[in-house]
Amino acid sequence: MSGLIGLYGGGGGGGGGTGPAGPAGPAGPAGPPGPVSDPTEYDFTEVSVWIIEHNRGYYPDVTVIIDGFVVDTQVQHTDINTLVIDMGVPTTGKAVVD
């Protein structure tokens, strides 16, 4: 069993430690653009399924407002640029995408 100790770094061999860090490598490529910071309002009149193509490249927060009140409803993000709000019945209101 003593022969296995060397395989796992538990014994044998001298030295140790690490040397100084080398020079920094080149900069990587630029990242994707950041999120759009301004909220956008989408108005709907007597529509039961609201489809919004926001093209933000991420899953934004959505606030649904009907008759001046914030309504808790389910929002389905079909992809990073599109979302669907199914009101169940024709509804007039707005969605604020942030």
Protein backbone atom coordinates (compact mmCIF):
# COMPACT_ATOMS: atom_id res chain seq x y z
CA MET A 1 0.00 0.00 0.00
CA SER A 2 2.89 2.36 0.58
CA GLY A 3 3.52 2.54 -3.17
CA LEU A 4 0.13 4.28 -3.69
CA ILE A 5 0.97 7.19 -1.43
CA GLY A 6 3.24 8.74 -4.05
CA LEU A 7 0.49 8.55 -6.71
CA TYR A 8 -1.81 10.78 -4.70
CA GLY A 9 0.73 13.36 -3.65
CA GLY A 10 1.12 12.08 -0.11
CA GLY A 11 4.74 11.20 -0.24
CA GLY A 12 7.95 11.23 -2.12
CA GLY A 13 9.42 13.98 -4.19
CA GLY A 14 10.88 17.21 -3.02
CA GLY A 15 10.37 20.82 -3.82
CA GLY A 16 6.98 22.34 -3.79
CA GLY A 17 5.33 25.68 -4.01
CA THR A 18 4.69 27.65 -7.12
CA GLY A 19 6.63 30.26 -8.98
CA PRO A 20 5.67 33.85 -9.65
CA ALA A 21 2.71 34.60 -11.88
CA GLY A 22 3.40 35.05 -15.56
CA PRO A 23 2.36 38.01 -17.68
CA ALA A 24 -1.34 38.69 -18.29
CA GLY A 25 -2.85 37.24 -21.43
CA PRO A 26 -4.61 39.23 -24.14
CA ALA A 27 -8.04 40.71 -23.50
CA GLY A 28 -11.01 38.57 -24.49
CA PRO A 29 -13.72 39.54 -26.96
CA ALA A 30 -16.34 42.14 -26.03
CA GLY A 31 -19.41 40.78 -24.28
CA PRO A 32 -23.00 41.13 -25.48
CA PRO A 33 -24.75 44.47 -25.04
CA GLY A 34 -26.32 45.11 -21.66
CA PRO A 35 -30.04 45.17 -21.03
CA VAL A 36 -32.23 48.03 -22.18
CA SER A 37 -32.71 50.18 -19.10
CA ASP A 38 -35.89 52.07 -19.95
CA PRO A 39 -39.27 50.41 -19.42
CA THR A 40 -41.49 50.14 -22.49
CA GLU A 41 -45.31 50.23 -22.39
CA TYR A 42 -47.45 48.11 -24.70
CA ASP A 43 -51.16 48.98 -24.91
CA PHE A 44 -53.86 46.43 -25.75
CA THR A 45 -57.54 46.97 -26.51
CA GLU A 46 -60.02 44.10 -26.15
CA VAL A 47 -57.46 41.35 -26.77
CA SER A 48 -57.40 38.08 -24.79
CA VAL A 49 -53.85 36.96 -25.71
CA TRP A 50 -51.20 39.65 -25.60
CA ILE A 51 -48.06 38.81 -27.60
CA ILE A 52 -45.12 41.17 -27.07
CA GLU A 53 -41.95 41.05 -29.16
CA HIS A 54 -39.67 43.21 -27.01
CA ASN A 55 -36.34 42.14 -28.60
CA ARG A 56 -34.36 42.82 -25.42
CA GLY A 57 -32.32 39.62 -25.56
CA TYR A 58 -33.25 38.57 -22.01
CA TYR A 59 -36.31 37.66 -19.91
CA PRO A 60 -37.57 41.06 -18.65
CA ASP A 61 -39.84 41.86 -15.72
CA VAL A 62 -43.42 42.52 -16.79
CA THR A 63 -46.12 44.51 -15.00
CA VAL A 64 -49.71 44.22 -16.25
CA ILE A 65 -51.98 47.18 -15.57
CA ILE A 66 -55.77 47.14 -16.09
CA ASP A 67 -57.97 50.10 -15.20
CA GLY A 68 -55.05 51.68 -13.33
CA PHE A 69 -54.45 48.63 -11.11
CA VAL A 70 -51.51 46.23 -11.22
CA VAL A 71 -52.85 42.76 -11.99
CA ASP A 72 -51.11 39.54 -10.99
CA THR A 73 -51.17 37.32 -14.05
CA GLN A 74 -48.96 34.65 -15.57
CA VAL A 75 -46.42 35.73 -18.19
CA GLN A 76 -44.94 33.12 -20.50
CA HIS A 77 -41.54 33.94 -22.01
CA THR A 78 -41.50 31.98 -25.28
CA ASP A 79 -37.87 33.01 -25.86
CA ILE A 80 -35.51 35.81 -24.81
CA ASN A 81 -37.22 38.27 -27.16
CA THR A 82 -40.93 37.37 -26.96
CA LEU A 83 -43.51 36.97 -24.21
CA VAL A 84 -47.19 36.01 -24.07
CA ILE A 85 -49.83 37.09 -21.57
CA ASP A 86 -53.09 35.11 -21.79
CA MET A 87 -55.85 37.09 -20.09
CA GLY A 88 -58.49 34.43 -20.86
CA VAL A 89 -61.04 37.02 -22.04
CA PRO A 90 -60.72 40.12 -24.23
CA THR A 91 -59.13 42.75 -21.99
CA THR A 92 -57.99 46.35 -22.37
CA GLY A 93 -54.87 47.37 -20.52
CA LYS A 94 -51.13 47.72 -20.77
CA ALA A 95 -47.98 45.73 -20.10
CA VAL A 96 -44.87 47.49 -18.89
CA VAL A 97 -41.73 45.61 -19.90
CA ASP A 98 -38.60 46.44 -17.91
